[in-house]
Amino acid sequence: MASDKVKTVTDADFGESVKKGLVLVDFWAEWCAPCRRIAPVVDQLAEQYDGRLTVAKMNVDENPATPPSYMIRGIPTLLLFKDGDLKETVVGLTDRDDLARLIDRHLS
């Protein structure tokens, strides 16, 4: 069950979407089994950090321009931006607690 707190971003609106505040972007694809496994974690984080973190997803198959500009070669990849600056990159599966600690470091 996808959270209504998770925003879908595209090549067209990516820059605008990450320029303000703390933003976690999940790069994924429909065919990617690890992406499906981490999706509930991303949804949980969107709920847990509602109002303090924007959580977004970008389908790499539908948006071919943005992923290469961030050297994304494998999915899932999660990028954490703060006011437009890339702060953290997580490639592959990781657990909710590790992602929460990563987010907490940048909330101040």
N, C-alpha and C. Protein backbone atom coordinates (compact mmCIF):
# COMPACT_ATOMS: atom_id res chain seq x y z
N MET A 1 0.84 -1.19 0.00
CA MET A 1 0.00 0.00 0.00
C MET A 1 0.88 1.24 0.00
N ALA A 2 0.83 2.01 -1.06
CA ALA A 2 1.66 3.20 -1.19
C ALA A 2 1.11 4.33 -0.34
N SER A 3 2.03 5.06 0.26
CA SER A 3 1.64 6.20 1.08
C SER A 3 1.25 7.38 0.20
N ASP A 4 0.22 8.10 0.60
CA ASP A 4 -0.15 9.31 -0.13
C ASP A 4 0.81 10.45 0.19
N LYS A 5 1.76 10.21 1.07
CA LYS A 5 2.76 11.21 1.43
C LYS A 5 3.96 11.17 0.47
N VAL A 6 4.03 10.15 -0.40
CA VAL A 6 5.14 10.02 -1.35
C VAL A 6 4.75 10.68 -2.66
N LYS A 7 5.61 11.58 -3.09
CA LYS A 7 5.38 12.37 -4.30
C LYS A 7 6.07 11.69 -5.49
N THR A 8 5.47 11.73 -6.65
CA THR A 8 6.11 11.24 -7.87
C THR A 8 6.79 12.41 -8.55
N VAL A 9 8.07 12.24 -8.89
CA VAL A 9 8.81 13.30 -9.60
C VAL A 9 9.21 12.79 -10.98
N THR A 10 9.42 13.73 -11.89
CA THR A 10 9.78 13.43 -13.27
C THR A 10 11.02 14.24 -13.66
N ASP A 11 11.55 13.94 -14.84
CA ASP A 11 12.66 14.73 -15.36
C ASP A 11 12.29 16.22 -15.39
N ALA A 12 11.05 16.51 -15.75
CA ALA A 12 10.61 17.90 -15.91
C ALA A 12 10.60 18.69 -14.60
N ASP A 13 10.25 18.04 -13.49
CA ASP A 13 10.12 18.79 -12.23
C ASP A 13 11.15 18.40 -11.16
N PHE A 14 12.12 17.59 -11.52
CA PHE A 14 13.07 17.10 -10.51
C PHE A 14 13.81 18.24 -9.81
N GLY A 15 14.42 19.13 -10.56
CA GLY A 15 15.21 20.22 -9.97
C GLY A 15 14.40 21.06 -9.00
N GLU A 16 13.18 21.38 -9.38
CA GLU A 16 12.30 22.16 -8.53
C GLU A 16 11.90 21.37 -7.28
N SER A 17 11.75 20.06 -7.43
CA SER A 17 11.28 19.20 -6.34
C SER A 17 12.30 19.03 -5.22
N VAL A 18 13.60 19.14 -5.55
CA VAL A 18 14.63 18.88 -4.54
C VAL A 18 15.28 20.15 -4.01
N LYS A 19 14.85 21.32 -4.46
CA LYS A 19 15.60 22.53 -4.11
C LYS A 19 15.28 23.12 -2.74
N LYS A 20 14.20 22.68 -2.09
CA LYS A 20 13.83 23.29 -0.81
C LYS A 20 13.65 22.21 0.26
N GLY A 21 14.36 22.38 1.36
CA GLY A 21 14.21 21.47 2.49
C GLY A 21 14.95 20.16 2.28
N LEU A 22 14.59 19.18 3.10
CA LEU A 22 15.20 17.85 3.05
C LEU A 22 14.31 16.95 2.19
N VAL A 23 14.91 16.36 1.16
CA VAL A 23 14.15 15.56 0.19
C VAL A 23 14.86 14.23 -0.05
N LEU A 24 14.14 13.13 0.14
CA LEU A 24 14.65 11.79 -0.15
C LEU A 24 13.99 11.32 -1.44
N VAL A 25 14.81 10.97 -2.44
CA VAL A 25 14.29 10.51 -3.73
C VAL A 25 14.68 9.05 -3.93
N ASP A 26 13.69 8.22 -4.19
CA ASP A 26 13.87 6.80 -4.47
C ASP A 26 13.80 6.60 -5.98
N PHE A 27 14.93 6.18 -6.58
CA PHE A 27 14.96 5.86 -8.00
C PHE A 27 14.66 4.37 -8.14
N TRP A 28 13.66 4.02 -8.95
CA TRP A 28 13.16 2.66 -9.00
C TRP A 28 12.63 2.34 -10.39
N ALA A 29 12.21 1.07 -10.58
CA ALA A 29 11.53 0.62 -11.80
C ALA A 29 10.57 -0.50 -11.43
N GLU A 30 9.53 -0.66 -12.23
CA GLU A 30 8.51 -1.69 -11.99
C GLU A 30 9.10 -3.09 -11.94
N TRP A 31 10.05 -3.40 -12.79
CA TRP A 31 10.61 -4.74 -12.92
C TRP A 31 11.64 -5.08 -11.85
N CYS A 32 12.00 -4.13 -11.01
CA CYS A 32 13.09 -4.27 -10.04
C CYS A 32 12.57 -4.87 -8.73
N ALA A 33 12.93 -6.13 -8.46
CA ALA A 33 12.47 -6.80 -7.23
C ALA A 33 12.98 -6.09 -5.97
N PRO A 34 14.26 -5.71 -5.89
CA PRO A 34 14.72 -4.99 -4.69
C PRO A 34 13.98 -3.65 -4.50
N CYS A 35 13.59 -3.03 -5.60
CA CYS A 35 12.82 -1.78 -5.50
C CYS A 35 11.47 -2.03 -4.84
N ARG A 36 10.84 -3.14 -5.20
CA ARG A 36 9.56 -3.49 -4.59
C ARG A 36 9.73 -3.81 -3.11
N ARG A 37 10.87 -4.39 -2.75
CA ARG A 37 11.10 -4.73 -1.34
C ARG A 37 11.36 -3.49 -0.49
N ILE A 38 11.99 -2.46 -1.05
CA ILE A 38 12.28 -1.27 -0.25
C ILE A 38 11.12 -0.27 -0.27
N ALA A 39 10.18 -0.43 -1.18
CA ALA A 39 9.05 0.51 -1.30
C ALA A 39 8.28 0.70 0.01
N PRO A 40 7.95 -0.36 0.76
CA PRO A 40 7.25 -0.15 2.03
C PRO A 40 8.07 0.64 3.05
N VAL A 41 9.38 0.48 3.01
CA VAL A 41 10.27 1.25 3.91
C VAL A 41 10.20 2.72 3.55
N VAL A 42 10.25 3.02 2.27
CA VAL A 42 10.16 4.41 1.81
C VAL A 42 8.81 5.01 2.23
N ASP A 43 7.75 4.24 2.09
CA ASP A 43 6.42 4.70 2.51
C ASP A 43 6.38 4.98 4.01
N GLN A 44 6.98 4.09 4.80
CA GLN A 44 7.01 4.27 6.26
C GLN A 44 7.78 5.54 6.63
N LEU A 45 8.88 5.80 5.95
CA LEU A 45 9.66 7.01 6.23
C LEU A 45 8.87 8.26 5.89
N ALA A 46 8.11 8.20 4.80
CA ALA A 46 7.28 9.35 4.42
C ALA A 46 6.27 9.66 5.52
N GLU A 47 5.69 8.63 6.10
CA GLU A 47 4.74 8.82 7.20
C GLU A 47 5.45 9.31 8.47
N GLN A 48 6.55 8.68 8.81
CA GLN A 48 7.29 9.00 10.04
C GLN A 48 7.81 10.43 10.04
N TYR A 49 8.28 10.90 8.89
CA TYR A 49 8.91 12.22 8.81
C TYR A 49 8.01 13.26 8.15
N ASP A 50 6.73 13.00 8.08
CA ASP A 50 5.79 13.93 7.45
C ASP A 50 5.95 15.33 8.04
N GLY A 51 6.12 16.30 7.17
CA GLY A 51 6.27 17.68 7.61
C GLY A 51 7.72 18.09 7.82
N ARG A 52 8.62 17.11 7.91
CA ARG A 52 10.05 17.41 8.10
C ARG A 52 10.90 16.95 6.93
N LEU A 53 10.36 16.05 6.11
CA LEU A 53 11.07 15.45 4.99
C LEU A 53 10.09 15.23 3.85
N THR A 54 10.49 15.59 2.64
CA THR A 54 9.71 15.26 1.46
C THR A 54 10.26 13.96 0.91
N VAL A 55 9.39 13.02 0.64
CA VAL A 55 9.79 11.74 0.06
C VAL A 55 9.21 11.66 -1.34
N ALA A 56 10.09 11.35 -2.30
CA ALA A 56 9.68 11.30 -3.70
C ALA A 56 10.21 10.03 -4.36
N LYS A 57 9.55 9.63 -5.44
CA LYS A 57 9.97 8.46 -6.22
C LYS A 57 10.08 8.87 -7.67
N MET A 58 11.13 8.34 -8.33
CA MET A 58 11.28 8.57 -9.76
C MET A 58 11.46 7.23 -10.46
N ASN A 59 10.58 6.94 -11.41
CA ASN A 59 10.68 5.74 -12.22
C ASN A 59 11.76 5.98 -13.28
N VAL A 60 12.85 5.21 -13.22
CA VAL A 60 13.98 5.44 -14.12
C VAL A 60 13.65 5.09 -15.57
N ASP A 61 12.70 4.19 -15.79
CA ASP A 61 12.32 3.83 -17.16
C ASP A 61 11.53 4.95 -17.83
N GLU A 62 10.77 5.70 -17.05
CA GLU A 62 9.94 6.77 -17.60
C GLU A 62 10.65 8.12 -17.62
N ASN A 63 11.80 8.20 -16.94
CA ASN A 63 12.53 9.47 -16.82
C ASN A 63 14.01 9.22 -17.08
N PRO A 64 14.41 9.19 -18.36
CA PRO A 64 15.78 8.81 -18.70
C PRO A 64 16.84 9.90 -18.52
N ALA A 65 16.46 11.14 -18.31
CA ALA A 65 17.46 12.22 -18.24
C ALA A 65 18.10 12.39 -16.86
N THR A 66 17.31 12.34 -15.81
CA THR A 66 17.82 12.64 -14.47
C THR A 66 18.77 11.58 -13.91
N PRO A 67 18.45 10.29 -13.95
CA PRO A 67 19.34 9.30 -13.33
C PRO A 67 20.80 9.37 -13.78
N PRO A 68 21.10 9.49 -15.07
CA PRO A 68 22.52 9.56 -15.46
C PRO A 68 23.22 10.81 -14.93
N SER A 69 22.48 11.89 -14.72
CA SER A 69 23.11 13.11 -14.23
C SER A 69 23.57 12.96 -12.78
N TYR A 70 23.05 11.94 -12.08
CA TYR A 70 23.48 11.64 -10.71
C TYR A 70 24.24 10.31 -10.65
N MET A 71 24.73 9.85 -11.82
CA MET A 71 25.54 8.64 -11.92
C MET A 71 24.82 7.41 -11.36
N ILE A 72 23.51 7.36 -11.52
CA ILE A 72 22.75 6.21 -11.03
C ILE A 72 22.88 5.08 -12.03
N ARG A 73 23.52 4.00 -11.56
CA ARG A 73 23.76 2.85 -12.43
C ARG A 73 23.03 1.60 -11.95
N GLY A 74 22.55 1.62 -10.73
CA GLY A 74 21.81 0.50 -10.17
C GLY A 74 20.65 1.01 -9.35
N ILE A 75 19.62 0.20 -9.29
CA ILE A 75 18.45 0.57 -8.50
C ILE A 75 18.09 -0.57 -7.57
N PRO A 76 17.49 -0.29 -6.44
CA PRO A 76 17.10 1.05 -5.99
C PRO A 76 18.31 1.89 -5.58
N THR A 77 18.22 3.16 -5.86
CA THR A 77 19.15 4.15 -5.35
C THR A 77 18.33 5.24 -4.69
N LEU A 78 18.73 5.62 -3.48
CA LEU A 78 18.07 6.71 -2.77
C LEU A 78 19.05 7.85 -2.63
N LEU A 79 18.61 9.04 -3.01
CA LEU A 79 19.42 10.25 -2.86
C LEU A 79 18.75 11.16 -1.86
N LEU A 80 19.55 11.73 -0.96
CA LEU A 80 19.04 12.66 0.03
C LEU A 80 19.60 14.05 -0.28
N PHE A 81 18.70 14.99 -0.52
CA PHE A 81 19.05 16.36 -0.83
C PHE A 81 18.66 17.27 0.32
N LYS A 82 19.46 18.30 0.54
CA LYS A 82 19.10 19.35 1.49
C LYS A 82 19.26 20.67 0.77
N ASP A 83 18.15 21.37 0.58
CA ASP A 83 18.11 22.65 -0.13
C ASP A 83 18.82 22.57 -1.48
N GLY A 84 18.57 21.48 -2.20
CA GLY A 84 19.10 21.32 -3.54
C GLY A 84 20.47 20.67 -3.64
N ASP A 85 21.16 20.52 -2.52
CA ASP A 85 22.49 19.91 -2.52
C ASP A 85 22.39 18.44 -2.17
N LEU A 86 23.03 17.60 -2.97
CA LEU A 86 23.06 16.17 -2.70
C LEU A 86 23.93 15.91 -1.47
N LYS A 87 23.35 15.29 -0.45
CA LYS A 87 24.04 15.04 0.81
C LYS A 87 24.43 13.58 1.01
N GLU A 88 23.58 12.64 0.57
CA GLU A 88 23.80 11.21 0.81
C GLU A 88 23.29 10.41 -0.38
N THR A 89 23.95 9.27 -0.61
CA THR A 89 23.53 8.33 -1.63
C THR A 89 23.52 6.94 -1.02
N VAL A 90 22.43 6.22 -1.22
CA VAL A 90 22.32 4.84 -0.75
C VAL A 90 21.93 3.99 -1.96
N VAL A 91 22.77 2.99 -2.26
CA VAL A 91 22.51 2.11 -3.39
C VAL A 91 22.16 0.72 -2.86
N GLY A 92 21.06 0.17 -3.36
CA GLY A 92 20.65 -1.17 -2.97
C GLY A 92 19.74 -1.16 -1.76
N LEU A 93 19.43 -2.36 -1.31
CA LEU A 93 18.53 -2.50 -0.16
C LEU A 93 19.23 -2.07 1.13
N THR A 94 18.47 -1.42 1.97
CA THR A 94 18.94 -1.05 3.30
C THR A 94 17.71 -1.05 4.20
N ASP A 95 17.94 -1.10 5.50
CA ASP A 95 16.77 -1.17 6.38
C ASP A 95 16.31 0.21 6.84
N ARG A 96 15.11 0.24 7.38
CA ARG A 96 14.48 1.49 7.79
C ARG A 96 15.29 2.22 8.84
N ASP A 97 15.84 1.48 9.80
CA ASP A 97 16.60 2.13 10.88
C ASP A 97 17.84 2.84 10.35
N ASP A 98 18.54 2.22 9.40
CA ASP A 98 19.72 2.87 8.82
C ASP A 98 19.32 4.13 8.06
N LEU A 99 18.24 4.05 7.30
CA LEU A 99 17.78 5.24 6.58
C LEU A 99 17.31 6.33 7.54
N ALA A 100 16.64 5.95 8.61
CA ALA A 100 16.18 6.93 9.60
C ALA A 100 17.38 7.64 10.24
N ARG A 101 18.43 6.91 10.56
CA ARG A 101 19.63 7.54 11.13
C ARG A 101 20.26 8.51 10.13
N LEU A 102 20.30 8.13 8.88
CA LEU A 102 20.85 8.98 7.84
C LEU A 102 20.04 10.27 7.73
N ILE A 103 18.72 10.15 7.74
CA ILE A 103 17.84 11.32 7.66
C ILE A 103 18.00 12.20 8.89
N ASP A 104 18.04 11.59 10.07
CA ASP A 104 18.16 12.33 11.33
C ASP A 104 19.41 13.20 11.35
N ARG A 105 20.50 12.71 10.76
CA ARG A 105 21.75 13.50 10.73
C ARG A 105 21.59 14.81 9.98
N HIS A 106 20.63 14.89 9.07
CA HIS A 106 20.49 16.08 8.23
C HIS A 106 19.27 16.93 8.60
N LEU A 107 18.54 16.55 9.62
CA LEU A 107 17.33 17.31 9.97
C LEU A 107 17.60 18.61 10.71
N SER A 108 18.73 18.74 11.32
CA SER A 108 19.00 19.96 12.10
C SER A 108 19.24 21.17 11.24
